């Protein structure tokens, strides 16, 4: 299901004994940055440099179609399903990027797809492709092997972490896979998800080596208050796993650890975040969504141990509010206002206002 998340449908047919589906969409995104230029490819908002862009040129327009997507799914008579999907956000935008490439049979999935340490249950719908900071988990795809039984899923995944300093990253090593467990289910008007993650953070320069244990957890939920109104949100905590604290640090994942120069030991860095939002279905294919997200990373121990972290992002936050309209099936248009804010460890801060427009045509 997650492999085709966001698709309104697919072109289905039979090829030999296989059930086939081809799906995707063409997507146009445009943005206007009232303040400094914070646009990434797909016109998503960026936190990079936001705290130090005071005095930068104001008023920036841009547009692209890099979010456009194409996928194919095949199911054999034996029940083996294969899904391959990509978009055009690779290499800064314009080149094909592999999103999903996995197979599944019965309870076992292997390949690249959404991290098991991810949930969309508590996410507020945004036009920004990268969405709010603080939503649940990794919010991206990674190679893995996953076992699912009902609402419970377990996985072994390719590790994701980094050290504060380049020198430590140059000698980092992955000695073990990341282990995750997630429970996701619903009851009446409530949908909910909770997950935990554990991994090893290590370095080895041939002379000195050390490792530490990192973990992360989140809870997320969505409640249908009425037929028109939903409220949703999530809470996350990480220690030594800030790559899984969404949109922390410079933009996506903050550093998870540092090497204490006095002792050579690996020391973990913690963080927390959350998001909250509401959606209003106005009927006639119209909806309004508003959400707020925030993440904070605790750099105090690293700073006390003499690590240069003054320019690291301590807090990222955003407000996103949009109006979406579906005039006919498989067509969506919308406008969105964003207010992004960042504060560095040094106390330097900055913010930016942005406007987005999107038009999406599904098949």
Protein backbone atom coordinates (compact mmCIF):
# COMPACT_ATOMS: atom_id res chain seq x y z
CA UNK A 1 0.00 0.00 0.00
CA UNK A 2 2.74 2.47 0.93
CA UNK A 3 4.47 1.84 -2.40
CA UNK A 4 1.63 3.53 -4.24
CA UNK A 5 0.67 6.01 -1.52
CA UNK A 6 -0.97 9.09 -2.96
CA UNK A 7 -2.15 7.44 -6.18
CA UNK A 8 -5.80 7.86 -7.13
CA UNK A 9 -5.75 4.73 -9.28
CA UNK A 10 -3.78 2.80 -11.85
CA UNK A 11 -3.99 1.46 -15.38
CA UNK A 12 -4.57 -2.26 -14.78
CA UNK A 13 -4.25 -5.09 -17.30
CA UNK A 14 -3.17 -8.71 -17.64
CA UNK A 15 0.11 -9.77 -19.24
CA UNK A 16 0.29 -13.53 -19.56
CA UNK A 17 -0.52 -14.86 -16.10
CA UNK A 18 0.50 -11.63 -14.36
CA UNK A 19 -1.82 -8.93 -13.03
CA UNK A 20 -0.16 -5.64 -14.00
CA UNK A 21 -0.70 -2.05 -12.94
CA UNK A 22 1.00 1.07 -14.27
CA UNK A 23 0.48 4.22 -12.23
CA UNK A 24 1.88 7.66 -11.65
CA UNK A 25 1.22 11.33 -12.15
CA UNK A 26 2.43 14.49 -13.83
CA UNK A 27 3.00 17.21 -11.26
CA UNK A 28 3.66 20.92 -11.70
CA UNK A 29 5.00 22.82 -8.67
CA UNK A 30 5.64 26.56 -8.45
CA UNK A 31 6.86 28.64 -5.53
CA UNK A 32 7.34 32.27 -4.60
CA UNK A 33 9.75 33.01 -1.76
CA UNK A 34 8.80 36.32 -0.19
CA UNK A 35 12.11 36.46 1.68
CA UNK A 36 15.34 34.57 0.94
CA UNK A 37 15.32 31.81 -1.68
CA UNK A 38 14.62 28.61 0.27
CA UNK A 39 13.36 26.44 -2.61
CA UNK A 40 14.62 22.92 -3.21
CA UNK A 41 13.72 20.84 -6.26
CA UNK A 42 9.95 20.23 -6.33
CA UNK A 43 9.86 23.78 -4.82
CA UNK A 44 9.85 22.37 -1.28
CA UNK A 45 11.02 24.66 1.50
CA UNK A 46 14.59 24.30 2.83
CA UNK A 47 16.08 25.14 6.23
CA UNK A 48 19.60 25.31 4.83
CA UNK A 49 21.08 28.73 5.53
CA UNK A 50 17.78 30.08 6.81
CA UNK A 51 19.28 31.45 10.05
CA UNK A 52 22.09 33.27 8.23
CA UNK A 53 20.21 34.64 5.19
CA UNK A 54 19.51 38.03 6.75
CA UNK A 55 20.08 40.68 4.12
CA UNK A 56 19.76 38.22 1.21
CA UNK A 57 17.84 39.23 -1.90
CA UNK A 58 14.08 38.94 -1.51
CA UNK A 59 11.38 37.75 -3.91
CA UNK A 60 12.18 34.54 -5.81
CA UNK A 61 9.93 32.61 -8.21
CA UNK A 62 10.56 29.13 -9.60
CA UNK A 63 8.70 26.19 -11.10
CA UNK A 64 9.44 22.58 -12.07
CA UNK A 65 7.85 19.20 -12.75
CA UNK A 66 10.48 17.04 -11.00
CA UNK A 67 7.97 15.45 -8.62
CA UNK A 68 6.29 13.66 -11.55
CA UNK A 69 6.22 9.92 -10.89
CA UNK A 70 5.99 6.60 -12.72
CA UNK A 71 5.55 3.14 -11.25
CA UNK A 72 4.71 -0.41 -12.24
CA UNK A 73 3.41 -3.27 -10.11
CA UNK A 74 3.20 -6.92 -11.15
CA UNK A 75 1.57 -9.80 -9.25
CA UNK A 76 2.22 -13.41 -10.25
CA UNK A 77 -0.33 -16.24 -10.05
CA UNK A 78 1.53 -17.49 -6.95
CA UNK A 79 0.97 -14.17 -5.18
CA UNK A 80 4.48 -12.74 -5.61
CA UNK A 81 4.24 -8.94 -5.97
CA UNK A 82 6.98 -6.73 -7.44
CA UNK A 83 6.87 -2.92 -7.34
CA UNK A 84 9.30 -0.54 -9.07
CA UNK A 85 8.74 3.21 -8.93
CA UNK A 86 10.68 6.39 -9.53
CA UNK A 87 10.42 10.14 -9.95
CA UNK A 88 12.63 12.87 -11.39
CA UNK A 89 14.08 14.47 -8.28
CA UNK A 90 17.50 12.82 -8.64
CA UNK A 91 20.77 14.80 -8.77
CA UNK A 92 19.14 18.06 -7.73
CA UNK A 93 16.18 17.61 -10.07
CA UNK A 94 15.57 16.46 -13.61
CA UNK A 95 17.11 12.99 -13.58
CA UNK A 96 15.34 9.73 -12.72
CA UNK A 97 15.47 8.69 -9.06
CA UNK A 98 14.61 5.21 -7.81
CA UNK A 99 12.01 5.37 -5.04
CA UNK A 100 10.75 1.81 -4.66
CA UNK A 101 12.20 -1.48 -5.87
CA UNK A 102 10.98 -4.44 -3.81
CA UNK A 103 9.23 -7.76 -3.92
CA UNK A 104 6.92 -9.39 -1.41
CA UNK A 105 5.47 -12.83 -0.88
CA UNK A 106 3.07 -13.63 1.94
CA UNK A 107 4.53 -11.96 5.06
CA UNK A 108 8.03 -11.21 3.74
CA UNK A 109 9.14 -8.07 1.87
CA UNK A 110 12.69 -7.44 0.59
CA UNK A 111 14.07 -4.47 -1.31
CA UNK A 112 13.85 -0.70 -1.12
CA UNK A 113 10.65 0.92 0.10
CA UNK A 114 9.38 3.09 2.97
CA UNK A 115 11.34 2.53 6.15
CA UNK A 116 9.36 0.50 8.65
CA UNK A 117 10.19 3.34 11.06
CA UNK A 118 7.72 5.60 9.23
CA UNK A 119 4.02 6.31 9.52
CA UNK A 120 1.70 8.59 7.55
CA UNK A 121 -1.18 8.20 10.01
CA UNK A 122 -0.52 11.49 11.82
CA UNK A 123 0.59 13.53 8.80
CA UNK A 124 -1.29 16.65 7.77
CA UNK A 125 -1.74 16.92 4.01
CA UNK A 126 0.65 19.52 2.54
CA UNK A 127 1.58 20.64 -0.97
CA UNK A 128 5.21 20.79 0.12
CA UNK A 129 6.71 17.46 -1.01
CA UNK A 130 8.93 17.32 2.09
CA UNK A 131 6.13 18.35 4.46
CA UNK A 132 6.35 19.43 8.10
CA UNK A 133 9.24 18.88 10.51
CA UNK A 134 8.48 16.47 13.33
CA UNK A 135 6.24 14.05 11.45
CA UNK A 136 6.68 10.41 12.40
CA UNK A 137 9.91 8.62 11.62
CA UNK A 138 12.24 8.58 8.62
CA UNK A 139 9.62 9.54 5.99
CA UNK A 140 11.79 8.10 3.23
CA UNK A 141 12.78 4.80 1.64
CA UNK A 142 15.63 2.43 2.51
CA UNK A 143 16.79 -1.11 1.61
CA UNK A 144 15.36 -3.63 4.07
CA UNK A 145 13.93 -7.03 4.85
CA UNK A 146 10.53 -6.85 6.58
CA UNK A 147 8.17 -9.33 8.23
CA UNK A 148 4.53 -8.34 8.73
CA UNK A 149 1.85 -10.10 10.75
CA UNK A 150 -1.41 -8.20 11.02
CA UNK A 151 -0.75 -4.73 12.48
CA UNK A 152 2.81 -5.62 13.61
CA UNK A 153 5.85 -5.31 11.32
CA UNK A 154 9.55 -5.94 12.03
CA UNK A 155 12.47 -5.03 9.80
CA UNK A 156 16.24 -5.11 9.37
CA UNK A 157 17.31 -2.00 7.45
CA UNK A 158 20.33 -0.24 6.01
CA UNK A 159 21.59 2.06 8.82
CA UNK A 160 21.20 5.85 8.65
CA UNK A 161 23.34 8.07 10.90
CA UNK A 162 26.15 10.62 10.80
CA UNK A 163 28.72 12.20 13.11
CA UNK A 164 29.00 15.95 13.65
CA UNK A 165 32.50 16.22 12.15
CA UNK A 166 33.62 15.23 8.66
CA UNK A 167 36.70 13.47 10.05
CA UNK A 168 34.55 11.11 12.13
CA UNK A 169 32.24 10.42 9.18
CA UNK A 170 35.27 9.46 7.09
CA UNK A 171 36.06 6.61 9.50
CA UNK A 172 32.52 5.60 10.45
CA UNK A 173 31.42 2.03 9.82
CA UNK A 174 28.19 0.05 9.73
CA UNK A 175 28.69 -3.07 11.77
CA UNK A 176 25.04 -4.06 12.17
CA UNK A 177 21.69 -3.43 10.46
CA UNK A 178 19.08 -1.15 12.01
CA UNK A 179 16.28 -3.01 13.79
CA UNK A 180 12.74 -1.58 13.79
CA UNK A 181 9.33 -2.64 15.07
CA UNK A 182 6.04 -0.89 14.30
CA UNK A 183 2.42 -1.36 15.33
CA UNK A 184 -0.20 0.33 13.14
CA UNK A 185 -3.96 -0.18 13.32
CA UNK A 186 -7.32 1.57 13.60
CA UNK A 187 -10.44 1.39 15.74
CA UNK A 188 -13.61 3.16 14.64
CA UNK A 189 -12.70 6.83 13.99
CA UNK A 190 -9.17 6.49 15.39
CA UNK A 191 -6.08 5.42 13.45
CA UNK A 192 -2.80 5.04 15.32
CA UNK A 193 0.81 3.96 14.97
CA UNK A 194 3.79 3.46 17.29
CA UNK A 195 7.33 2.33 16.52
CA UNK A 196 10.78 1.79 18.01
CA UNK A 197 14.21 1.62 16.37
CA UNK A 198 17.66 0.56 17.53
CA UNK A 199 21.04 0.66 15.81
CA UNK A 200 24.78 0.79 16.38
CA UNK A 201 26.91 3.90 15.75
CA UNK A 202 30.58 3.11 15.27
CA UNK A 203 33.95 4.30 13.96
CA UNK A 204 37.28 2.59 13.36
CA UNK A 205 40.38 4.41 12.09
CA UNK A 206 42.60 1.33 12.20
CA UNK A 207 44.07 2.33 15.56
CA UNK A 208 41.16 3.56 17.67
CA UNK A 209 37.56 2.45 17.55
CA UNK A 210 34.39 2.73 19.58
CA UNK A 211 30.65 2.31 19.22
CA UNK A 212 27.44 3.36 20.93
CA UNK A 213 23.79 2.34 20.95
CA UNK A 214 21.20 4.65 19.39
CA UNK A 215 17.44 4.42 19.54
CA UNK A 216 14.32 6.27 18.41
CA UNK A 217 10.58 6.06 18.99
CA UNK A 218 7.40 7.75 17.81
CA UNK A 219 3.64 7.69 18.28
CA UNK A 220 1.15 9.03 15.74
CA UNK A 221 -2.62 9.21 15.54
CA UNK A 222 -5.52 10.55 13.49
CA UNK A 223 -9.08 11.10 14.70
CA UNK A 224 -12.13 11.77 12.56
CA UNK A 225 -14.05 14.27 14.68
CA UNK A 226 -16.92 14.47 12.18
CA UNK A 227 -17.48 13.49 8.58
CA UNK A 228 -15.84 16.81 7.65
CA UNK A 229 -13.07 17.34 10.22
CA UNK A 230 -10.01 15.31 11.18
CA UNK A 231 -7.23 16.11 13.63
CA UNK A 232 -3.87 14.35 13.54
CA UNK A 233 -0.39 14.54 14.96
CA UNK A 234 2.75 12.76 16.11
CA UNK A 235 5.47 12.85 18.77
CA UNK A 236 9.06 11.62 18.33
CA UNK A 237 12.13 11.16 20.51
CA UNK A 238 15.61 10.12 19.40
CA UNK A 239 18.96 9.52 21.10
CA UNK A 240 21.78 8.63 18.75
CA UNK A 241 19.34 8.35 15.83
CA UNK A 242 18.66 11.89 14.62
CA UNK A 243 18.62 10.83 10.97
CA UNK A 244 15.19 9.49 11.90
CA UNK A 245 14.09 12.83 13.44
CA UNK A 246 12.44 14.29 10.37
CA UNK A 247 13.69 17.68 9.10
CA UNK A 248 16.04 18.25 12.03
CA UNK A 249 19.56 19.63 11.70
CA UNK A 250 20.58 21.33 8.48
CA UNK A 251 17.45 20.21 6.68
CA UNK A 252 16.44 16.54 6.97
CA UNK A 253 18.41 14.62 9.61
CA UNK A 254 20.78 16.08 12.19
CA UNK A 255 23.99 14.36 13.29
CA UNK A 256 23.38 11.43 15.63
CA UNK A 257 26.69 11.43 17.53
CA UNK A 258 30.16 12.88 17.97
CA UNK A 259 33.55 11.52 18.96
CA UNK A 260 34.86 12.91 22.26
CA UNK A 261 38.40 14.00 21.35
CA UNK A 262 39.60 13.60 24.94
CA UNK A 263 38.53 9.97 25.33
CA UNK A 264 37.89 8.74 21.78
CA UNK A 265 34.45 7.52 22.82
CA UNK A 266 31.28 7.83 20.73
CA UNK A 267 28.75 10.12 22.43
CA UNK A 268 25.12 10.21 21.27
CA UNK A 269 23.02 13.34 20.56
CA UNK A 270 19.33 13.42 21.42
CA UNK A 271 16.39 15.26 19.92
CA UNK A 272 12.62 15.46 19.95
CA UNK A 273 9.84 16.73 17.74
CA UNK A 274 6.20 16.65 16.90
CA UNK A 275 3.48 17.79 14.56
CA UNK A 276 -0.19 18.65 14.85
CA UNK A 277 -2.77 19.55 12.27
CA UNK A 278 -6.36 19.51 11.08
CA UNK A 279 -8.11 18.78 7.81
CA UNK A 280 -11.51 20.11 6.74
CA UNK A 281 -13.42 18.47 3.89
CA UNK A 282 -15.56 21.25 2.44
CA UNK A 283 -17.30 19.03 -0.13
CA UNK A 284 -17.25 19.35 -3.90
CA UNK A 285 -13.64 18.16 -4.03
CA UNK A 286 -12.46 21.05 -1.83
CA UNK A 287 -10.42 20.81 1.37
CA UNK A 288 -8.48 23.02 3.77
CA UNK A 289 -5.49 21.73 5.78
CA UNK A 290 -3.35 23.46 8.37
CA UNK A 291 -0.42 21.98 10.28
CA UNK A 292 2.45 22.90 12.59
CA UNK A 293 5.67 20.96 13.13
CA UNK A 294 8.78 21.44 15.27
CA UNK A 295 12.04 19.58 15.95
CA UNK A 296 14.76 20.39 18.50
CA UNK A 297 18.21 18.82 18.84
CA UNK A 298 20.15 18.89 22.15
CA UNK A 299 23.73 19.96 21.37
CA UNK A 300 24.67 20.87 24.97
CA UNK A 301 26.95 17.88 25.67
CA UNK A 302 28.75 18.23 22.34
CA UNK A 303 29.30 21.94 22.96
CA UNK A 304 30.57 21.24 26.49
CA UNK A 305 33.06 18.70 25.08
CA UNK A 306 34.50 21.31 22.71
CA UNK A 307 32.81 20.25 19.46
CA UNK A 308 32.14 23.17 17.11
CA UNK A 309 28.35 23.13 16.89
CA UNK A 310 27.51 26.86 16.97
CA UNK A 311 26.29 26.81 13.36
CA UNK A 312 24.21 23.66 13.78
CA UNK A 313 20.43 24.03 13.69
CA UNK A 314 18.95 23.67 17.16
CA UNK A 315 15.27 24.15 16.28
CA UNK A 316 13.39 23.95 12.98
CA UNK A 317 9.67 24.69 12.77
CA UNK A 318 7.01 25.36 10.16
CA UNK A 319 3.39 26.33 9.71
CA UNK A 320 1.76 25.16 6.45
CA UNK A 321 -1.81 25.98 5.42
CA UNK A 322 -3.36 25.03 2.09
CA UNK A 323 -6.50 24.91 -0.01
CA UNK A 324 -6.92 21.94 -2.36
CA UNK A 325 -9.45 21.47 -5.13
CA UNK A 326 -10.26 18.34 -7.14
CA UNK A 327 -12.39 19.57 -10.06
CA UNK A 328 -12.59 16.10 -11.63
CA UNK A 329 -11.34 12.66 -10.66
CA UNK A 330 -7.52 12.30 -10.83
CA UNK A 331 -6.87 16.06 -10.97
CA UNK A 332 -5.77 18.12 -7.95
CA UNK A 333 -4.88 21.80 -7.76
CA UNK A 334 -3.89 23.75 -4.69
CA UNK A 335 -2.24 26.75 -3.08
CA UNK A 336 -0.26 26.81 0.17
CA UNK A 337 1.24 29.36 2.53
CA UNK A 338 4.33 28.42 4.56
CA UNK A 339 6.20 30.07 7.40
CA UNK A 340 9.59 28.43 8.08
CA UNK A 341 11.74 29.21 11.11
CA UNK A 342 15.22 28.12 12.25
CA UNK A 343 17.40 28.89 15.28
CA UNK A 344 21.06 27.83 15.50
CA UNK A 345 22.95 26.81 18.63
CA UNK A 346 24.67 30.21 18.60
CA UNK A 347 21.29 31.93 18.98
CA UNK A 348 21.26 33.25 15.42
CA UNK A 349 17.83 32.74 13.90
CA UNK A 350 15.84 33.43 10.77
CA UNK A 351 12.48 32.84 9.13
CA UNK A 352 10.87 32.95 5.72
CA UNK A 353 7.41 33.17 4.17
CA UNK A 354 6.62 31.19 1.03
CA UNK A 355 3.73 30.57 -1.37
CA UNK A 356 3.27 27.32 -3.31
CA UNK A 357 1.02 26.29 -6.17
CA UNK A 358 0.59 22.72 -7.45
CA UNK A 359 -1.32 20.93 -10.19
CA UNK A 360 -1.30 17.12 -10.29
CA UNK A 361 -2.77 14.77 -12.90
CA UNK A 362 -2.93 11.10 -11.84
CA UNK A 363 -3.30 7.96 -13.89
